[in-house]
């Protein structure tokens, strides 16, 4: 995997990231001046948290041949009303009644291994700069 992502501006409020052969499109909602044609960047951030926890839960179950039918990862969050800052994220792993009780705590432990969550717990340094380039 590469360690560089390129962002382009296809028009309107759309912003697209190119990474390892994938195009990740974002847009702003109509409320924020966009077309609402793709998730907003912050929505993708929240989705990365939930899906990261999800892949750990899925892998745990697959490694133990546990059925994943009926398992859901439900994420909810709170934001400060004035600043809009994210103040709390809750991840709940819903399992069906027949899911073995002995694995409940283990599911929480593996979901807590999510790399996105860990990046927030020990954030990297950020450096933003401009650079002139020739075409």
C-alpha atoms as a PDB file:
ATOM      1  CA  UNK A   1       0.000   0.000   0.000  1.00  0.00           C
ATOM      2  CA  UNK A   2       1.184   3.479  -0.826  1.00  0.00           C
ATOM      3  CA  UNK A   3       1.475   6.295   1.624  1.00  0.00           C
ATOM      4  CA  UNK A   4       0.271   9.112  -0.588  1.00  0.00           C
ATOM      5  CA  UNK A   5      -3.208  10.216  -1.555  1.00  0.00           C
ATOM      6  CA  UNK A   6      -3.988  12.815  -4.226  1.00  0.00           C
ATOM      7  CA  UNK A   7      -7.043  15.039  -3.973  1.00  0.00           C
ATOM      8  CA  UNK A   8      -8.717  16.648  -6.980  1.00  0.00           C
ATOM      9  CA  UNK A   9     -11.676  18.944  -7.466  1.00  0.00           C
ATOM     10  CA  UNK A  10     -14.064  17.582 -10.128  1.00  0.00           C
ATOM     11  CA  UNK A  11     -16.525  20.483  -9.865  1.00  0.00           C
ATOM     12  CA  UNK A  12     -19.017  22.113  -7.584  1.00  0.00           C
ATOM     13  CA  UNK A  13     -18.312  21.174  -3.968  1.00  0.00           C
ATOM     14  CA  UNK A  14     -17.039  17.737  -4.977  1.00  0.00           C
ATOM     15  CA  UNK A  15     -13.645  16.610  -3.749  1.00  0.00           C
ATOM     16  CA  UNK A  16     -12.167  13.271  -4.820  1.00  0.00           C
ATOM     17  CA  UNK A  17      -9.270  11.399  -3.264  1.00  0.00           C
ATOM     18  CA  UNK A  18      -7.256   8.967  -5.393  1.00  0.00           C
ATOM     19  CA  UNK A  19      -5.472   6.219  -3.527  1.00  0.00           C
ATOM     20  CA  UNK A  20      -4.103   2.842  -4.623  1.00  0.00           C
ATOM     21  CA  UNK A  21      -6.293   2.759  -7.717  1.00  0.00           C
ATOM     22  CA  UNK A  22      -9.479   3.790  -5.890  1.00  0.00           C
ATOM     23  CA  UNK A  23     -11.431   6.985  -6.291  1.00  0.00           C
ATOM     24  CA  UNK A  24     -13.115   8.147  -3.092  1.00  0.00           C
ATOM     25  CA  UNK A  25     -15.691  10.799  -3.915  1.00  0.00           C
ATOM     26  CA  UNK A  26     -17.079  13.305  -1.457  1.00  0.00           C
ATOM     27  CA  UNK A  27     -19.534  16.151  -1.837  1.00  0.00           C
ATOM     28  CA  UNK A  28     -21.260  18.562   0.458  1.00  0.00           C
ATOM     29  CA  UNK A  29     -24.921  18.188   1.253  1.00  0.00           C
ATOM     30  CA  UNK A  30     -27.357  20.565  -0.446  1.00  0.00           C
ATOM     31  CA  UNK A  31     -27.612  22.299   2.913  1.00  0.00           C
ATOM     32  CA  UNK A  32     -23.876  23.048   2.698  1.00  0.00           C
ATOM     33  CA  UNK A  33     -23.892  24.164  -0.955  1.00  0.00           C
ATOM     34  CA  UNK A  34     -23.183  20.840  -2.659  1.00  0.00           C
ATOM     35  CA  UNK A  35     -25.226  18.435  -4.722  1.00  0.00           C
ATOM     36  CA  UNK A  36     -25.398  15.724  -2.074  1.00  0.00           C
ATOM     37  CA  UNK A  37     -24.013  13.271  -4.647  1.00  0.00           C
ATOM     38  CA  UNK A  38     -21.618  11.574  -2.218  1.00  0.00           C
ATOM     39  CA  UNK A  39     -20.952  11.506   1.516  1.00  0.00           C
ATOM     40  CA  UNK A  40     -19.382  14.546   3.126  1.00  0.00           C
ATOM     41  CA  UNK A  41     -15.751  14.021   4.222  1.00  0.00           C
ATOM     42  CA  UNK A  42     -16.674  13.898   7.915  1.00  0.00           C
ATOM     43  CA  UNK A  43     -19.244  11.193   7.152  1.00  0.00           C
ATOM     44  CA  UNK A  44     -16.462   9.103   5.602  1.00  0.00           C
ATOM     45  CA  UNK A  45     -14.387   9.656   8.734  1.00  0.00           C
ATOM     46  CA  UNK A  46     -17.245   8.330  10.887  1.00  0.00           C
ATOM     47  CA  UNK A  47     -17.776   5.439   8.472  1.00  0.00           C
ATOM     48  CA  UNK A  48     -14.078   4.567   8.693  1.00  0.00           C
ATOM     49  CA  UNK A  49     -14.433   4.193  12.471  1.00  0.00           C
ATOM     50  CA  UNK A  50     -17.498   1.962  12.200  1.00  0.00           C
ATOM     51  CA  UNK A  51     -16.206  -0.188   9.344  1.00  0.00           C
ATOM     52  CA  UNK A  52     -12.808  -0.556  11.022  1.00  0.00           C
ATOM     53  CA  UNK A  53     -14.474  -1.924  14.156  1.00  0.00           C
ATOM     54  CA  UNK A  54     -16.623  -4.046  11.858  1.00  0.00           C
ATOM     55  CA  UNK A  55     -13.709  -5.731  10.103  1.00  0.00           C
ATOM     56  CA  UNK A  56     -12.230  -6.728  13.459  1.00  0.00           C
ATOM     57  CA  UNK A  57     -15.574  -8.193  14.569  1.00  0.00           C
ATOM     58  CA  UNK A  58     -15.994  -9.975  11.228  1.00  0.00           C
ATOM     59  CA  UNK A  59     -12.474 -11.421  11.317  1.00  0.00           C
ATOM     60  CA  UNK A  60     -12.929 -12.606  14.907  1.00  0.00           C
ATOM     61  CA  UNK A  61     -16.087 -14.472  13.941  1.00  0.00           C
ATOM     62  CA  UNK A  62     -14.642 -15.890  10.734  1.00  0.00           C
ATOM     63  CA  UNK A  63     -11.523 -17.127  12.536  1.00  0.00           C
ATOM     64  CA  UNK A  64     -13.752 -19.082  14.923  1.00  0.00           C
ATOM     65  CA  UNK A  65     -16.308 -20.208  12.321  1.00  0.00           C
ATOM     66  CA  UNK A  66     -18.980 -18.220  14.146  1.00  0.00           C
ATOM     67  CA  UNK A  67     -21.939 -17.186  11.995  1.00  0.00           C
ATOM     68  CA  UNK A  68     -22.193 -13.461  11.338  1.00  0.00           C
ATOM     69  CA  UNK A  69     -25.864 -13.499  10.354  1.00  0.00           C
ATOM     70  CA  UNK A  70     -27.676 -10.989  12.508  1.00  0.00           C
ATOM     71  CA  UNK A  71     -24.539  -9.309  13.868  1.00  0.00           C
ATOM     72  CA  UNK A  72     -24.480  -5.546  13.431  1.00  0.00           C
ATOM     73  CA  UNK A  73     -22.096  -2.839  14.482  1.00  0.00           C
ATOM     74  CA  UNK A  74     -24.089   0.280  15.363  1.00  0.00           C
ATOM     75  CA  UNK A  75     -22.224   3.529  15.845  1.00  0.00           C
ATOM     76  CA  UNK A  76     -23.694   6.705  17.274  1.00  0.00           C
ATOM     77  CA  UNK A  77     -22.046   9.961  18.272  1.00  0.00           C
ATOM     78  CA  UNK A  78     -22.562  13.302  19.949  1.00  0.00           C
ATOM     79  CA  UNK A  79     -21.306  16.703  18.889  1.00  0.00           C
ATOM     80  CA  UNK A  80     -20.960  19.915  20.841  1.00  0.00           C
ATOM     81  CA  UNK A  81     -23.901  22.126  19.882  1.00  0.00           C
ATOM     82  CA  UNK A  82     -21.837  25.310  19.592  1.00  0.00           C
ATOM     83  CA  UNK A  83     -18.583  24.156  18.030  1.00  0.00           C
ATOM     84  CA  UNK A  84     -19.814  21.060  16.190  1.00  0.00           C
ATOM     85  CA  UNK A  85     -16.836  19.160  17.628  1.00  0.00           C
ATOM     86  CA  UNK A  86     -17.235  15.454  18.041  1.00  0.00           C
ATOM     87  CA  UNK A  87     -17.522  14.787  21.794  1.00  0.00           C
ATOM     88  CA  UNK A  88     -18.382  11.091  22.033  1.00  0.00           C
ATOM     89  CA  UNK A  89     -18.536   8.022  19.816  1.00  0.00           C
ATOM     90  CA  UNK A  90     -20.383   4.895  20.908  1.00  0.00           C
ATOM     91  CA  UNK A  91     -19.961   1.556  19.147  1.00  0.00           C
ATOM     92  CA  UNK A  92     -22.442  -1.187  19.998  1.00  0.00           C
ATOM     93  CA  UNK A  93     -22.036  -4.703  18.658  1.00  0.00           C
ATOM     94  CA  UNK A  94     -25.471  -6.240  18.366  1.00  0.00           C
ATOM     95  CA  UNK A  95     -25.539 -10.026  18.350  1.00  0.00           C
ATOM     96  CA  UNK A  96     -28.460 -12.435  17.957  1.00  0.00           C
ATOM     97  CA  UNK A  97     -29.790 -14.292  21.019  1.00  0.00           C
ATOM     98  CA  UNK A  98     -28.016 -17.517  20.046  1.00  0.00           C
ATOM     99  CA  UNK A  99     -24.559 -15.903  19.808  1.00  0.00           C
ATOM    100  CA  UNK A 100     -22.337 -17.540  22.467  1.00  0.00           C
ATOM    101  CA  UNK A 101     -22.160 -15.429  25.639  1.00  0.00           C
ATOM    102  CA  UNK A 102     -18.511 -16.340  26.171  1.00  0.00           C
ATOM    103  CA  UNK A 103     -17.525 -14.249  23.115  1.00  0.00           C
ATOM    104  CA  UNK A 104     -19.296 -10.986  24.031  1.00  0.00           C
ATOM    105  CA  UNK A 105     -16.331  -9.438  25.871  1.00  0.00           C
ATOM    106  CA  UNK A 106     -13.933 -10.677  23.197  1.00  0.00           C
ATOM    107  CA  UNK A 107     -15.927  -8.861  20.515  1.00  0.00           C
ATOM    108  CA  UNK A 108     -15.521  -5.620  22.461  1.00  0.00           C
ATOM    109  CA  UNK A 109     -11.777  -6.232  22.855  1.00  0.00           C
ATOM    110  CA  UNK A 110     -11.258  -6.846  19.138  1.00  0.00           C
ATOM    111  CA  UNK A 111     -13.384  -3.862  18.105  1.00  0.00           C
ATOM    112  CA  UNK A 112     -11.197  -1.718  20.369  1.00  0.00           C
ATOM    113  CA  UNK A 113      -8.167  -2.756  18.281  1.00  0.00           C
ATOM    114  CA  UNK A 114      -9.468  -0.690  15.353  1.00  0.00           C
ATOM    115  CA  UNK A 115      -6.551   1.190  13.789  1.00  0.00           C
ATOM    116  CA  UNK A 116      -8.684   4.267  13.101  1.00  0.00           C
ATOM    117  CA  UNK A 117      -9.692   4.462  16.764  1.00  0.00           C
ATOM    118  CA  UNK A 118      -6.078   3.999  17.824  1.00  0.00           C
ATOM    119  CA  UNK A 119      -4.998   6.828  15.499  1.00  0.00           C
ATOM    120  CA  UNK A 120      -7.397   9.139  17.337  1.00  0.00           C
ATOM    121  CA  UNK A 121      -6.165   7.992  20.728  1.00  0.00           C
ATOM    122  CA  UNK A 122      -2.547   8.766  19.771  1.00  0.00           C
ATOM    123  CA  UNK A 123      -2.943  11.357  17.026  1.00  0.00           C
ATOM    124  CA  UNK A 124      -0.174  11.968  14.516  1.00  0.00           C
ATOM    125  CA  UNK A 125       1.454  15.337  13.973  1.00  0.00           C
ATOM    126  CA  UNK A 126      -0.023  17.261  11.067  1.00  0.00           C
ATOM    127  CA  UNK A 127       2.013  19.446   8.726  1.00  0.00           C
ATOM    128  CA  UNK A 128       0.241  21.456   6.014  1.00  0.00           C
ATOM    129  CA  UNK A 129       2.183  23.399   3.385  1.00  0.00           C
ATOM    130  CA  UNK A 130       1.980  24.747  -0.140  1.00  0.00           C
ATOM    131  CA  UNK A 131       4.400  23.820  -2.900  1.00  0.00           C
ATOM    132  CA  UNK A 132       4.779  25.196  -6.396  1.00  0.00           C
ATOM    133  CA  UNK A 133       4.988  22.499  -9.038  1.00  0.00           C
ATOM    134  CA  UNK A 134       5.468  22.552 -12.789  1.00  0.00           C
ATOM    135  CA  UNK A 135       3.022  20.774 -15.016  1.00  0.00           C
END
